[in-house]
Protein backbone atom coordinates (compact mmCIF):
# COMPACT_ATOMS: atom_id res chain seq x y z
CA UNK A 1 -9.72 -3.57 -8.17
CA UNK A 2 -8.79 -5.14 -4.86
CA UNK A 3 -12.43 -5.93 -4.04
CA UNK A 4 -12.56 -8.52 -6.80
CA UNK A 5 -9.46 -10.42 -5.62
CA UNK A 6 -11.02 -11.73 -2.39
CA UNK A 7 -13.94 -14.14 -2.06
CA UNK A 8 -17.16 -12.61 -0.74
CA UNK A 9 -16.93 -14.43 2.59
CA UNK A 10 -13.68 -12.70 3.59
CA UNK A 11 -13.81 -9.55 1.47
CA UNK A 12 -14.82 -7.09 4.20
CA UNK A 13 -12.26 -8.40 6.69
CA UNK A 14 -9.44 -8.49 4.12
CA UNK A 15 -10.09 -4.97 2.90
CA UNK A 16 -10.40 -3.67 6.45
CA UNK A 17 -7.04 -5.16 7.35
CA UNK A 18 -5.36 -3.82 4.21
CA UNK A 19 -6.76 -0.31 4.59
CA UNK A 20 -5.97 -0.05 8.29
CA UNK A 21 -2.41 -1.36 7.94
CA UNK A 22 -1.90 1.23 5.21
CA UNK A 23 -3.25 3.93 7.53
CA UNK A 24 -0.81 2.84 10.23
CA UNK A 25 2.12 3.08 7.82
CA UNK A 26 0.91 6.50 6.65
CA UNK A 27 0.76 7.62 10.28
CA UNK A 28 4.43 6.70 10.81
CA UNK A 29 5.69 8.10 7.50
CA UNK A 30 5.91 11.80 8.52
CA UNK A 31 7.80 10.85 11.67
CA UNK A 32 10.35 8.82 9.69
CA UNK A 33 10.72 11.55 7.06
CA UNK A 34 11.26 14.21 9.73
CA UNK A 35 13.77 12.03 11.57
CA UNK A 36 15.83 11.35 8.43
CA UNK A 37 15.52 14.95 7.18
CA UNK A 38 16.76 16.32 10.51
CA UNK A 39 19.85 14.14 10.32
CA UNK A 40 20.57 14.62 6.61
CA UNK A 41 18.44 16.54 4.09
CA UNK A 42 14.82 16.75 3.05
CA UNK A 43 15.56 14.84 -0.16
CA UNK A 44 17.09 12.03 1.86
CA UNK A 45 14.00 12.03 4.06
CA UNK A 46 11.68 11.52 1.11
CA UNK A 47 13.94 9.04 -0.72
CA UNK A 48 12.78 5.96 1.28
CA UNK A 49 9.28 6.48 -0.18
CA UNK A 50 10.49 5.72 -3.71
CA UNK A 51 10.94 1.94 -3.29
CA UNK A 52 7.53 1.68 -1.63
CA UNK A 53 5.89 3.57 -4.49
CA UNK A 54 7.54 1.28 -7.02
CA UNK A 55 6.50 -1.77 -5.02
CA UNK A 56 2.88 -0.55 -4.93
CA UNK A 57 2.91 0.00 -8.70
CA UNK A 58 4.37 -3.46 -9.33
CA UNK A 59 1.79 -5.04 -7.03
CA UNK A 60 -1.09 -3.52 -9.01
CA UNK A 61 0.28 -5.08 -12.20
CA UNK A 62 0.64 -8.45 -10.46
CA UNK A 63 -3.05 -8.66 -9.46
CA UNK A 64 -5.04 -11.24 -11.43
CA UNK A 65 -7.36 -10.05 -14.17
CA UNK A 66 -11.02 -10.50 -13.24
CA UNK A 67 -12.70 -8.97 -16.30
CA UNK A 68 -15.32 -11.40 -17.55
CA UNK A 69 -14.60 -13.90 -14.75
CA UNK A 70 -17.47 -15.00 -12.55
CA UNK A 71 -16.63 -13.96 -8.99
CA UNK A 72 -17.29 -16.41 -6.17
């Protein structure tokens, strides 16, 4: 889905940036969860992931529809 949002000239760079930023955040997530869980509880450690999951879901619905549209 995300491939169709970017023009061909910048598609590879844009997707590379998006995927690698996501990998960086995923690398830090266990550290943050462990830090919060050690200070409070495991449920509190996982709770910060909920808003990010909802934001990701909302972002998918906000992407423009490209079905039947000629891509540049």
